[in-house]
Amino acid sequence: MTKKNPGAAAVLSFFVPGLGQIYNGELGKGITIVAVTIVCWMITFLYIGFIILVPLWVWAIYDAYTKAEGINSKIEQGGC
């Protein structure tokens, strides 16, 4: 496991929700977030997608940042 840059993970998720998770090595979670984001964008004309999209976007940024910090913490403590 290599150190991750929490800022880079957050910025990636800011531009495309889910990319930060993919950067952190959480491929399944990242692809799921990208897919849900695409569906939300497709149904925004009903205003339903927008209600889900904004919280998902904010959560993806937060999750990517905190996961990268967790990875770095494990590395510094001598874990995988």
C-alpha atoms as a PDB file:
ATOM      1  CA  MET A   1       0.000   0.000   0.000  1.00  0.00           C
ATOM      2  CA  THR A   2       1.339   3.430  -0.887  1.00  0.00           C
ATOM      3  CA  LYS A   3       0.685   6.775   0.739  1.00  0.00           C
ATOM      4  CA  LYS A   4      -2.181   8.771  -0.725  1.00  0.00           C
ATOM      5  CA  ASN A   5      -2.600  12.511  -0.983  1.00  0.00           C
ATOM      6  CA  PRO A   6      -5.899  13.387   0.769  1.00  0.00           C
ATOM      7  CA  GLY A   7      -6.097  16.702  -1.087  1.00  0.00           C
ATOM      8  CA  ALA A   8      -5.714  15.002  -4.455  1.00  0.00           C
ATOM      9  CA  ALA A   9      -8.380  12.438  -3.523  1.00  0.00           C
ATOM     10  CA  ALA A  10     -10.787  15.224  -2.534  1.00  0.00           C
ATOM     11  CA  VAL A  11     -10.092  17.245  -5.695  1.00  0.00           C
ATOM     12  CA  LEU A  12     -10.604  14.184  -7.905  1.00  0.00           C
ATOM     13  CA  SER A  13     -13.968  13.547  -6.241  1.00  0.00           C
ATOM     14  CA  PHE A  14     -14.850  17.215  -6.584  1.00  0.00           C
ATOM     15  CA  PHE A  15     -14.476  17.069 -10.355  1.00  0.00           C
ATOM     16  CA  VAL A  16     -15.957  13.572 -10.791  1.00  0.00           C
ATOM     17  CA  PRO A  17     -17.538  11.976  -7.712  1.00  0.00           C
ATOM     18  CA  GLY A  18     -15.995   8.538  -7.275  1.00  0.00           C
ATOM     19  CA  LEU A  19     -12.584   9.262  -8.777  1.00  0.00           C
ATOM     20  CA  GLY A  20     -11.118   9.929  -5.337  1.00  0.00           C
ATOM     21  CA  GLN A  21     -12.285   6.511  -4.175  1.00  0.00           C
ATOM     22  CA  ILE A  22     -10.734   4.899  -7.275  1.00  0.00           C
ATOM     23  CA  TYR A  23      -7.493   6.793  -6.543  1.00  0.00           C
ATOM     24  CA  ASN A  24      -7.585   5.368  -3.001  1.00  0.00           C
ATOM     25  CA  GLY A  25      -7.901   1.834  -4.361  1.00  0.00           C
ATOM     26  CA  GLU A  26     -11.619   1.416  -3.645  1.00  0.00           C
ATOM     27  CA  LEU A  27     -12.507   0.466  -7.203  1.00  0.00           C
ATOM     28  CA  GLY A  28     -15.972  -0.990  -6.523  1.00  0.00           C
ATOM     29  CA  LYS A  29     -17.059   1.951  -4.389  1.00  0.00           C
ATOM     30  CA  GLY A  30     -15.681   4.438  -6.903  1.00  0.00           C
ATOM     31  CA  ILE A  31     -17.410   2.850  -9.889  1.00  0.00           C
ATOM     32  CA  THR A  32     -20.676   2.702  -7.942  1.00  0.00           C
ATOM     33  CA  ILE A  33     -20.453   6.402  -7.061  1.00  0.00           C
ATOM     34  CA  VAL A  34     -19.638   7.326 -10.673  1.00  0.00           C
ATOM     35  CA  ALA A  35     -22.609   5.254 -11.908  1.00  0.00           C
ATOM     36  CA  VAL A  36     -25.033   6.755  -9.374  1.00  0.00           C
ATOM     37  CA  THR A  37     -23.770  10.237 -10.272  1.00  0.00           C
ATOM     38  CA  ILE A  38     -24.424   9.598 -13.963  1.00  0.00           C
ATOM     39  CA  VAL A  39     -27.957   8.364 -13.209  1.00  0.00           C
ATOM     40  CA  CYS A  40     -28.589  11.409 -11.002  1.00  0.00           C
ATOM     41  CA  TRP A  41     -27.437  13.752 -13.762  1.00  0.00           C
ATOM     42  CA  MET A  42     -29.724  11.954 -16.212  1.00  0.00           C
ATOM     43  CA  ILE A  43     -32.792  12.433 -13.983  1.00  0.00           C
ATOM     44  CA  THR A  44     -32.069  15.971 -12.818  1.00  0.00           C
ATOM     45  CA  PHE A  45     -34.725  17.272 -15.174  1.00  0.00           C
ATOM     46  CA  LEU A  46     -37.220  15.718 -12.737  1.00  0.00           C
ATOM     47  CA  TYR A  47     -35.478  17.476  -9.818  1.00  0.00           C
ATOM     48  CA  ILE A  48     -35.215  14.086  -8.121  1.00  0.00           C
ATOM     49  CA  GLY A  49     -31.649  13.523  -9.262  1.00  0.00           C
ATOM     50  CA  PHE A  50     -30.493  16.901  -7.991  1.00  0.00           C
ATOM     51  CA  ILE A  51     -31.788  16.122  -4.502  1.00  0.00           C
ATOM     52  CA  ILE A  52     -29.581  13.020  -4.410  1.00  0.00           C
ATOM     53  CA  LEU A  53     -26.665  14.387  -6.444  1.00  0.00           C
ATOM     54  CA  VAL A  54     -25.557  17.225  -4.156  1.00  0.00           C
ATOM     55  CA  PRO A  55     -25.325  15.169  -0.930  1.00  0.00           C
ATOM     56  CA  LEU A  56     -23.664  12.325  -2.861  1.00  0.00           C
ATOM     57  CA  TRP A  57     -21.102  14.745  -4.279  1.00  0.00           C
ATOM     58  CA  VAL A  58     -20.271  16.229  -0.869  1.00  0.00           C
ATOM     59  CA  TRP A  59     -20.056  12.787   0.731  1.00  0.00           C
ATOM     60  CA  ALA A  60     -17.765  11.482  -2.045  1.00  0.00           C
ATOM     61  CA  ILE A  61     -15.333  14.366  -1.455  1.00  0.00           C
ATOM     62  CA  TYR A  62     -15.359  13.831   2.325  1.00  0.00           C
ATOM     63  CA  ASP A  63     -15.039  10.044   2.022  1.00  0.00           C
ATOM     64  CA  ALA A  64     -12.123  10.232  -0.429  1.00  0.00           C
ATOM     65  CA  TYR A  65     -10.246  12.670   1.823  1.00  0.00           C
ATOM     66  CA  THR A  66     -10.768  10.726   5.056  1.00  0.00           C
ATOM     67  CA  LYS A  67      -9.978   7.357   3.445  1.00  0.00           C
ATOM     68  CA  ALA A  68      -6.671   8.717   2.099  1.00  0.00           C
ATOM     69  CA  GLU A  69      -5.811   9.985   5.578  1.00  0.00           C
ATOM     70  CA  GLY A  70      -6.676   6.552   7.016  1.00  0.00           C
ATOM     71  CA  ILE A  71      -4.429   4.812   4.481  1.00  0.00           C
ATOM     72  CA  ASN A  72      -1.566   7.148   5.372  1.00  0.00           C
ATOM     73  CA  SER A  73      -2.138   6.590   9.081  1.00  0.00           C
ATOM     74  CA  LYS A  74      -1.938   2.801   8.657  1.00  0.00           C
ATOM     75  CA  ILE A  75       1.271   3.129   6.633  1.00  0.00           C
ATOM     76  CA  GLU A  76       2.859   5.367   9.276  1.00  0.00           C
ATOM     77  CA  GLN A  77       1.923   2.900  12.016  1.00  0.00           C
ATOM     78  CA  GLY A  78       3.633   0.096  10.139  1.00  0.00           C
ATOM     79  CA  GLY A  79       0.517  -1.584   8.770  1.00  0.00           C
ATOM     80  CA  CYS A  80       0.022  -2.881   5.224  1.00  0.00           C
END
